Amino acid sequence: MCPTKSYEAAAEWAERDATLPARSATALRGDDAAEFGRSVVARALGRPSIDPGAKPGEQAPRRQVRLPRAVSDQIDRIAAIQGRSASDVMREAITTYVERAS
């Protein structure tokens, strides 16, 4: 079954047929329920691919590299200043290098 159809069927059931106890202390409603539902779907589907050409469910290739401590610390500082992840900073740096070297 297509994940989108599965999601749509679950959403329709939740909106039309699901019943909650009137005085439930744990049942979420309204915006809280919607936010929780979005977080469940996001966890179930995983992170979006960083590769725009990737097929659904396909993960981007992973490379690992060891860095001198000073360089690693510098990457962390740059990421913190820019409000980005260290992975994003490194991806951008490698992409820039590869484009210039080609």
Protein backbone atom coordinates (compact mmCIF):
# COMPACT_ATOMS: atom_id res chain seq x y z
CA MET A 1 0.00 0.00 0.00
CA CYS A 2 1.24 3.49 -0.85
CA PRO A 3 2.30 5.42 2.29
CA THR A 4 0.29 8.45 1.15
CA LYS A 5 -2.91 6.43 0.82
CA SER A 6 -2.23 4.79 4.17
CA TYR A 7 -1.78 8.22 5.77
CA GLU A 8 -4.92 9.58 4.13
CA ALA A 9 -6.99 6.60 5.31
CA ALA A 10 -5.69 6.98 8.86
CA ALA A 11 -6.35 10.73 8.83
CA GLU A 12 -9.88 10.20 7.54
CA TRP A 13 -10.57 7.61 10.25
CA ALA A 14 -9.18 9.90 12.95
CA GLU A 15 -11.23 12.86 11.78
CA ARG A 16 -14.53 11.03 11.16
CA ASP A 17 -14.77 7.77 13.07
CA ALA A 18 -12.43 7.86 16.06
CA THR A 19 -14.13 8.49 19.38
CA LEU A 20 -12.41 9.67 22.54
CA PRO A 21 -13.58 9.38 26.13
CA ALA A 22 -15.11 12.71 27.16
CA ARG A 23 -12.95 13.12 30.29
CA SER A 24 -9.75 11.51 29.05
CA ALA A 25 -6.62 13.01 30.62
CA THR A 26 -4.36 11.57 27.90
CA ALA A 27 -6.32 12.04 24.66
CA LEU A 28 -5.11 14.98 22.59
CA ARG A 29 -7.54 17.21 20.73
CA GLY A 30 -7.39 20.10 18.29
CA ASP A 31 -4.00 21.69 17.55
CA ASP A 32 -2.23 19.45 20.07
CA ALA A 33 -3.58 16.34 18.34
CA ALA A 34 -2.65 17.68 14.90
CA GLU A 35 0.92 18.49 15.99
CA PHE A 36 1.33 15.06 17.58
CA GLY A 37 0.01 13.42 14.40
CA ARG A 38 2.47 15.35 12.23
CA SER A 39 5.36 14.31 14.49
CA VAL A 40 4.32 10.64 14.28
CA VAL A 41 4.16 10.77 10.50
CA ALA A 42 7.53 12.54 10.29
CA ARG A 43 9.16 9.87 12.48
CA ALA A 44 7.53 7.06 10.50
CA LEU A 45 8.65 8.42 7.14
CA GLY A 46 12.14 9.38 8.31
CA ARG A 47 14.10 12.43 7.33
CA PRO A 48 13.62 13.96 3.93
CA SER A 49 16.40 13.04 1.53
CA ILE A 50 19.14 15.59 0.92
CA ASP A 51 19.36 14.27 -2.64
CA PRO A 52 16.69 15.87 -4.86
CA GLY A 53 17.05 12.98 -7.33
CA ALA A 54 16.53 10.25 -4.72
CA LYS A 55 13.66 7.81 -5.07
CA PRO A 56 11.20 7.49 -2.16
CA GLY A 57 12.86 5.68 0.73
CA GLU A 58 16.32 5.91 -0.87
CA GLN A 59 19.04 7.17 1.42
CA ALA A 60 21.88 9.42 0.31
CA PRO A 61 25.31 7.78 0.29
CA ARG A 62 27.32 8.25 3.47
CA ARG A 63 31.03 9.06 3.65
CA GLN A 64 33.11 9.29 6.79
CA VAL A 65 36.27 11.24 7.37
CA ARG A 66 38.52 11.89 10.35
CA LEU A 67 39.42 15.53 10.98
CA PRO A 68 41.98 17.27 13.15
CA ARG A 69 40.33 18.45 16.40
CA ALA A 70 40.88 22.12 15.51
CA VAL A 71 39.05 21.74 12.19
CA SER A 72 36.21 19.80 13.81
CA ASP A 73 35.85 22.47 16.50
CA GLN A 74 35.85 25.19 13.85
CA ILE A 75 33.05 23.42 11.95
CA ASP A 76 31.02 23.23 15.16
CA ARG A 77 31.55 26.97 15.80
CA ILE A 78 30.54 27.91 12.24
CA ALA A 79 27.44 25.70 12.47
CA ALA A 80 26.43 27.25 15.80
CA ILE A 81 26.91 30.81 14.53
CA GLN A 82 24.91 30.09 11.38
CA GLY A 83 22.22 28.07 13.16
CA ARG A 84 22.92 25.03 10.99
CA SER A 85 24.07 21.47 11.57
CA ALA A 86 27.72 20.54 11.25
CA SER A 87 26.69 18.07 8.53
CA ASP A 88 25.10 20.86 6.52
CA VAL A 89 28.22 23.03 6.82
CA MET A 90 30.44 20.15 5.70
CA ARG A 91 28.11 19.23 2.80
CA GLU A 92 28.22 22.82 1.56
CA ALA A 93 32.02 22.97 1.85
CA ILE A 94 32.50 19.68 -0.01
CA THR A 95 30.00 20.65 -2.71
CA THR A 96 31.80 23.97 -3.25
CA TYR A 97 35.16 22.19 -3.46
CA VAL A 98 33.88 19.56 -5.93
CA GLU A 99 32.25 22.22 -8.15
CA ARG A 100 35.48 24.26 -8.26
CA ALA A 101 37.69 21.22 -8.85
CA SER A 102 35.55 19.91 -11.74
